[in-house]
Protein backbone atom coordinates (compact mmCIF):
# COMPACT_ATOMS: atom_id res chain seq x y z
CA MET A 1 -86.70 -44.78 30.14
CA ILE A 2 -90.01 -45.34 28.57
CA LEU A 3 -90.56 -43.52 25.24
CA ILE A 4 -94.38 -43.12 24.28
CA LEU A 5 -94.81 -41.85 20.23
CA SER A 6 -98.08 -40.61 19.58
CA ARG A 7 -100.03 -37.79 17.69
CA LYS A 8 -101.81 -35.04 19.52
CA ASN A 9 -105.29 -35.33 21.29
CA ASP A 10 -104.82 -39.39 21.90
CA THR A 11 -106.62 -40.02 24.70
CA ALA A 12 -105.31 -43.53 24.88
CA ALA A 13 -101.53 -42.38 25.32
CA GLY A 14 -102.87 -39.72 27.58
CA LEU A 15 -104.67 -42.52 30.03
CA VAL A 16 -101.26 -44.48 29.99
CA ILE A 17 -99.03 -41.28 31.08
CA ALA A 18 -101.28 -40.57 33.62
CA GLU A 19 -100.79 -43.92 34.87
CA LEU A 20 -97.13 -43.59 34.54
CA LYS A 21 -97.45 -40.26 36.49
CA LYS A 22 -98.96 -41.92 39.18
CA ARG A 23 -96.30 -44.35 39.51
CA GLU A 24 -93.66 -41.56 39.24
CA LYS A 25 -92.00 -43.51 36.52
CA ASP A 26 -89.13 -41.71 34.08
CA TYR A 27 -90.88 -41.11 30.66
CA ILE A 28 -90.44 -39.04 27.19
CA HIS A 29 -93.68 -38.43 25.39
CA LEU A 30 -92.92 -37.48 21.69
CA ASN A 31 -96.09 -36.05 19.35
CA LEU A 32 -94.22 -37.02 16.11
CA GLU A 33 -96.23 -34.10 14.09
CA ASP A 34 -94.39 -31.58 15.86
CA ALA A 35 -91.03 -33.81 14.75
CA ASN A 36 -89.58 -31.34 12.77
CA GLN A 37 -89.39 -28.90 15.58
CA MET A 38 -87.05 -31.43 17.11
CA GLU A 39 -83.31 -31.99 16.72
CA PHE A 40 -82.36 -36.08 16.03
CA ALA A 41 -78.67 -37.07 15.87
CA PHE A 42 -78.17 -41.07 15.33
CA ASN A 43 -74.92 -41.90 15.00
CA ILE A 44 -74.59 -45.52 14.08
CA ILE A 45 -70.76 -45.81 14.49
CA ASP A 46 -70.36 -44.28 18.06
CA GLY A 47 -74.06 -45.79 18.87
CA GLU A 48 -75.49 -42.55 19.87
CA TRP A 49 -79.25 -41.74 19.91
CA LYS A 50 -80.18 -38.45 20.60
CA ILE A 51 -82.94 -36.04 20.43
CA LYS A 52 -83.33 -32.91 21.81
CA VAL A 53 -86.88 -31.38 22.35
CA GLU A 54 -86.17 -27.71 23.09
CA ASP A 55 -83.50 -27.37 25.29
CA ILE A 56 -83.65 -30.78 26.90
CA GLU A 57 -81.92 -33.67 25.16
CA ILE A 58 -82.78 -36.94 25.65
CA ASP A 59 -79.69 -40.20 25.21
CA LEU A 60 -82.14 -42.80 23.97
CA ILE A 61 -79.54 -45.22 25.07
CA ASN A 62 -80.92 -45.47 28.15
CA LEU A 63 -84.50 -46.54 26.62
CA LYS A 64 -86.06 -49.63 28.26
CA SER A 65 -89.53 -49.77 26.42
CA VAL A 66 -91.60 -47.89 23.97
CA LEU A 67 -95.27 -47.47 23.33
CA TYR A 68 -95.99 -46.99 19.79
CA ARG A 69 -99.36 -45.20 19.27
CA LYS A 70 -100.37 -44.57 15.64
CA PRO A 71 -98.12 -41.19 15.36
CA LEU A 72 -98.60 -38.93 12.54
CA TYR A 73 -95.33 -37.17 10.85
CA PRO A 74 -94.79 -33.15 10.18
CA LEU A 75 -97.08 -32.28 7.01
CA LEU A 76 -96.06 -29.53 4.73
CA ASN A 77 -99.12 -27.83 3.53
CA ASP A 78 -97.20 -25.33 2.10
CA GLU A 79 -98.21 -24.84 -1.66
CA LYS A 80 -94.62 -23.86 -2.67
CA PHE A 81 -94.17 -27.32 -2.43
CA PRO A 82 -95.65 -29.98 -4.76
CA ALA A 83 -97.66 -32.60 -3.47
CA GLY A 84 -94.59 -35.27 -4.51
CA ILE A 85 -92.24 -33.30 -2.31
CA ARG A 86 -94.31 -33.03 0.33
CA ASN A 87 -95.24 -36.89 0.66
CA PHE A 88 -91.17 -37.53 -0.13
CA ILE A 89 -90.23 -35.11 3.02
CA GLN A 90 -92.85 -36.88 5.17
CA SER A 91 -91.14 -40.40 4.12
CA GLN A 92 -87.85 -39.33 5.27
CA TRP A 93 -89.65 -38.65 8.74
CA HIS A 94 -90.99 -42.11 8.92
CA SER A 95 -88.01 -43.82 7.83
CA LEU A 96 -86.29 -42.25 10.51
CA ILE A 97 -88.40 -43.03 13.37
CA ARG A 98 -88.83 -46.30 12.03
CA GLY A 99 -85.26 -47.00 12.48
CA LEU A 100 -85.19 -46.86 16.10
CA ILE A 101 -86.27 -50.31 16.39
CA GLN A 102 -82.22 -50.83 16.21
CA ILE A 103 -81.79 -49.50 19.16
CA PRO A 104 -80.82 -52.67 21.57
CA ASN A 105 -82.69 -54.46 24.40
CA VAL A 106 -85.98 -52.39 24.03
CA PHE A 107 -89.27 -53.99 24.42
CA TRP A 108 -91.91 -52.42 22.06
CA ILE A 109 -95.80 -52.46 22.18
CA ASN A 110 -95.63 -52.87 19.17
CA ASN A 111 -92.71 -53.11 16.69
CA PHE A 112 -94.07 -51.54 13.66
CA GLU A 113 -91.88 -53.57 11.37
CA LEU A 114 -94.36 -56.69 12.77
CA MET A 115 -97.62 -54.11 12.65
CA GLN A 116 -97.00 -53.66 9.02
CA ILE A 117 -97.45 -57.11 8.55
CA ALA A 118 -100.35 -57.70 10.90
CA GLU A 119 -102.50 -55.17 9.09
CA LEU A 120 -102.67 -57.45 5.86
CA LYS A 121 -106.24 -58.57 5.88
CA LEU A 122 -105.80 -61.26 3.65
CA LEU A 123 -103.07 -62.35 5.72
CA GLN A 124 -105.46 -61.97 8.98
CA LEU A 125 -108.44 -63.70 7.72
CA SER A 126 -105.56 -66.65 6.70
CA LYS A 127 -104.26 -67.31 9.76
CA ALA A 128 -107.48 -66.51 11.83
CA LYS A 129 -109.01 -69.54 9.72
CA GLU A 130 -106.05 -71.66 10.64
CA ILE A 131 -106.33 -70.87 14.18
CA GLY A 132 -109.80 -72.32 14.08
CA PHE A 133 -111.79 -68.91 13.96
CA GLU A 134 -114.95 -69.00 12.01
CA ILE A 135 -114.79 -66.23 9.53
CA PRO A 136 -117.69 -64.45 7.20
CA GLU A 137 -117.90 -65.88 3.41
CA THR A 138 -115.09 -63.63 1.87
CA LEU A 139 -114.20 -62.57 -1.34
CA ILE A 140 -111.13 -60.06 -2.55
CA THR A 141 -111.27 -59.24 -5.79
CA ASN A 142 -111.22 -56.09 -8.78
CA SER A 143 -113.46 -58.55 -11.02
CA ILE A 144 -117.16 -56.89 -11.45
CA THR A 145 -117.93 -60.73 -12.76
CA CYS A 146 -116.54 -62.45 -9.40
CA ALA A 147 -118.16 -59.60 -7.07
CA ARG A 148 -121.72 -60.47 -8.81
CA GLU A 149 -121.25 -63.88 -8.59
CA PHE A 150 -120.60 -63.84 -4.76
CA SER A 151 -123.30 -61.14 -4.35
CA VAL A 152 -126.00 -63.54 -5.94
CA LYS A 153 -124.40 -66.75 -4.02
CA ASN A 154 -125.25 -64.43 -0.51
CA ASN A 155 -128.71 -63.42 -1.54
CA LEU A 156 -127.47 -60.38 -1.86
CA GLU A 157 -126.56 -59.38 1.44
CA ILE A 158 -122.82 -58.74 1.44
CA ILE A 159 -120.68 -55.48 2.80
CA THR A 160 -117.81 -54.28 1.44
CA LYS A 161 -114.70 -52.84 3.26
CA ALA A 162 -110.90 -51.60 2.72
CA LEU A 163 -108.08 -53.94 1.94
CA PHE A 164 -105.48 -52.17 4.10
CA SER A 165 -105.65 -49.12 6.00
CA ARG A 166 -109.24 -47.10 6.12
CA THR A 167 -107.59 -44.13 6.87
CA ILE A 168 -107.43 -41.62 3.75
CA LYS A 169 -104.77 -38.76 4.02
CA ASN A 170 -104.78 -35.85 1.83
CA ASP A 171 -102.40 -33.23 2.63
CA GLY A 172 -103.78 -31.94 6.43
CA ASP A 173 -107.18 -33.99 5.54
CA ILE A 174 -107.72 -37.21 7.07
CA TYR A 175 -110.87 -39.43 6.06
CA MET A 176 -112.11 -42.68 7.28
CA SER A 177 -113.40 -45.31 5.11
CA TYR A 178 -115.75 -47.54 6.74
CA THR A 179 -117.72 -50.73 6.33
CA ASN A 180 -120.72 -50.26 3.92
CA GLU A 181 -123.64 -52.66 2.91
CA ILE A 182 -124.40 -53.28 -0.74
CA GLY A 183 -126.91 -55.17 -2.41
CA GLU A 184 -126.91 -55.69 -6.01
CA ILE A 185 -123.71 -55.06 -7.68
CA THR A 186 -124.37 -52.66 -10.72
CA ASP A 187 -122.51 -51.21 -13.45
CA ASP A 188 -121.40 -48.25 -11.06
CA LEU A 189 -119.05 -50.44 -8.92
CA LYS A 190 -116.91 -51.67 -12.23
CA ASN A 191 -114.90 -48.24 -12.34
CA GLU A 192 -113.85 -48.79 -8.67
CA LEU A 193 -113.00 -51.91 -8.99
CA ALA A 194 -111.02 -51.03 -11.80
CA LEU A 195 -108.84 -49.12 -9.59
CA LEU A 196 -108.53 -51.18 -6.36
CA PRO A 197 -109.51 -54.58 -5.18
CA ILE A 198 -112.24 -54.92 -2.41
CA ILE A 199 -113.01 -57.05 0.66
CA PHE A 200 -116.77 -58.49 0.34
CA GLN A 201 -118.32 -60.34 2.83
CA LYS A 202 -121.52 -62.12 3.54
CA LYS A 203 -123.68 -59.65 5.97
CA ILE A 204 -123.70 -61.22 9.36
CA TYR A 205 -127.05 -59.79 11.16
CA PRO A 206 -128.56 -59.72 13.74
CA LYS A 207 -125.25 -59.72 15.71
CA ASP A 208 -123.34 -58.61 18.63
CA ASP A 209 -120.51 -56.55 18.14
CA LEU A 210 -117.33 -57.18 20.30
CA ARG A 211 -114.17 -55.51 20.61
CA ILE A 212 -111.48 -57.59 22.48
CA VAL A 213 -108.29 -56.20 23.81
CA VAL A 214 -105.23 -58.42 23.85
CA LEU A 215 -102.29 -57.89 26.16
CA GLY A 216 -100.03 -60.92 26.31
CA GLU A 217 -101.99 -63.35 27.72
CA LYS A 218 -104.71 -61.09 28.90
CA VAL A 219 -107.87 -60.72 27.63
CA PHE A 220 -110.48 -57.78 27.77
CA CYS A 221 -113.99 -57.78 25.84
CA GLY A 222 -116.10 -55.08 25.45
CA LYS A 223 -119.84 -55.94 23.99
CA ILE A 224 -120.81 -52.83 22.01
CA GLY A 225 -124.23 -51.82 21.63
CA THR A 226 -125.48 -50.38 18.31
CA VAL A 227 -127.83 -50.52 15.50
CA LYS A 228 -125.22 -49.20 12.88
CA LEU A 229 -123.51 -51.50 10.35
CA ASP A 230 -119.99 -50.17 11.53
CA TRP A 231 -120.32 -49.02 15.33
CA ARG A 232 -116.88 -47.11 14.53
CA LYS A 233 -118.58 -44.36 12.52
CA SER A 234 -119.88 -42.85 16.23
CA ILE A 235 -118.49 -44.27 19.13
CA ASP A 236 -120.59 -41.86 20.70
CA ASP A 237 -123.75 -43.45 19.96
CA VAL A 238 -123.18 -46.86 21.29
CA THR A 239 -123.84 -48.62 24.43
CA LEU A 240 -121.05 -50.64 26.30
CA GLU A 241 -120.79 -53.58 28.70
CA SER A 242 -118.39 -56.05 29.66
CA TYR A 243 -118.59 -59.56 28.33
CA ARG A 244 -116.93 -62.77 29.05
CA LEU A 245 -115.69 -64.89 26.21
CA PRO A 246 -115.56 -68.46 25.84
CA ASP A 247 -111.97 -69.71 26.79
CA ASP A 248 -111.48 -71.66 23.30
CA ILE A 249 -112.30 -67.81 21.90
CA ALA A 250 -110.25 -66.15 24.34
CA ASP A 251 -107.33 -68.45 23.54
CA LYS A 252 -107.61 -68.06 19.80
CA CYS A 253 -107.32 -64.54 20.15
CA ILE A 254 -104.15 -64.48 22.58
CA ARG A 255 -102.87 -66.86 19.64
CA ILE A 256 -103.39 -64.58 16.74
CA VAL A 257 -101.98 -61.59 18.59
CA LYS A 258 -98.70 -63.75 19.26
CA GLU A 259 -98.78 -65.14 15.76
CA PHE A 260 -97.77 -62.00 14.38
CA GLY A 261 -95.21 -61.56 17.55
CA LEU A 262 -97.41 -58.35 18.66
CA TYR A 263 -97.87 -57.77 22.72
CA TYR A 264 -101.06 -55.50 21.93
CA GLY A 265 -104.02 -56.41 19.64
CA ALA A 266 -107.57 -55.12 19.30
CA ILE A 267 -109.66 -57.47 17.71
CA ASP A 268 -113.30 -57.38 16.24
CA LEU A 269 -115.65 -60.35 16.58
CA VAL A 270 -119.20 -60.24 15.91
CA LYS A 271 -121.50 -63.08 17.37
CA LYS A 272 -124.75 -64.46 15.75
CA ASP A 273 -126.54 -67.46 17.79
CA GLU A 274 -123.63 -69.33 19.08
CA HIS A 275 -121.33 -68.60 16.33
CA TYR A 276 -118.00 -66.08 16.85
CA TYR A 277 -116.98 -64.59 13.77
CA PHE A 278 -113.53 -63.34 13.05
CA LEU A 279 -113.18 -59.61 11.55
CA GLU A 280 -110.21 -58.16 12.00
CA LEU A 281 -107.17 -57.57 14.09
CA ASN A 282 -105.92 -54.01 14.50
CA SER A 283 -102.51 -53.71 15.90
CA CYS A 284 -103.08 -50.26 17.25
CA GLY A 285 -106.62 -50.22 17.52
CA GLU A 286 -108.33 -47.91 19.86
CA TRP A 287 -109.30 -49.18 23.41
CA ASP A 288 -109.52 -45.90 25.53
CA PHE A 289 -113.48 -46.47 25.54
CA LEU A 290 -113.16 -49.71 26.93
CA GLN A 291 -111.00 -47.82 30.07
CA THR A 292 -114.44 -47.45 32.22
CA LEU A 293 -115.01 -51.45 32.15
CA TYR A 294 -111.57 -52.59 32.71
CA PRO A 295 -107.77 -51.39 34.04
CA ILE A 296 -106.32 -51.43 30.43
CA ALA A 297 -104.10 -48.35 31.05
CA GLU A 298 -102.72 -49.93 34.45
CA VAL A 299 -101.90 -53.16 32.57
CA ILE A 300 -100.13 -51.28 29.47
CA ALA A 301 -97.89 -49.34 32.37
CA ASP A 302 -97.43 -52.80 33.93
CA MET A 303 -95.78 -54.13 30.79
CA LEU A 304 -93.64 -50.71 29.67
């Protein structure tokens, strides 16, 4: 049996499910926002892993593989619960689902314990450099003095981005933090740096944006045409075309995904002249917009 863990309106999960249906594969799809409407019973001594959805009982001991697709967990927006209590309740659901990795002999795309490590940008950039990728001039700091020195060194042509997840959750609302261009660093940034460290990088422009999807030993690359600094702000406004990476760059993409113990990874590179710069690895990055170019859903179904 195949288990798909996702959120509602997940297009990528839907593409894989359509392929599994076509193949008449046995699968279960759970949207975890509704987890508090399901019944979970995990008995460690007896080795029982059961979920009841409506009137259907699912025995996870027969589980073969899992596709883990950025699930959301139940949110309590009821104001009678203080924010701290709501966060506590959600953390219990998160811990319960994470415990599924204890079920023996199950193949995961991807194991979310490894995904958490893979999301560390400082570690990503260090590994990318070790593997042989070129990376942009980069500084991670909470020092206004260091940030100013870095900006001057790079002719005031720098960008900023989040050090960890770019998703900001506030009760039921979700906000996104994108890459932004910044010139001269003013005192206005000092208060922000006092709260949190930020990634500063030398701006690479003009550039070609590349989204690479790695699935095991397979590599798919899409060239993204956009005038925006961060194409993810509006995927509907970009153009897409298939792109063949040089063999050595494709090999590096496969290697960095393997280094983190992952079977899937979405990698962002930028190309300027003949140089390919590694920006980041997304252990659960989006790929559905590339399905028109490549049979990604089919390959995932093969792996599951």
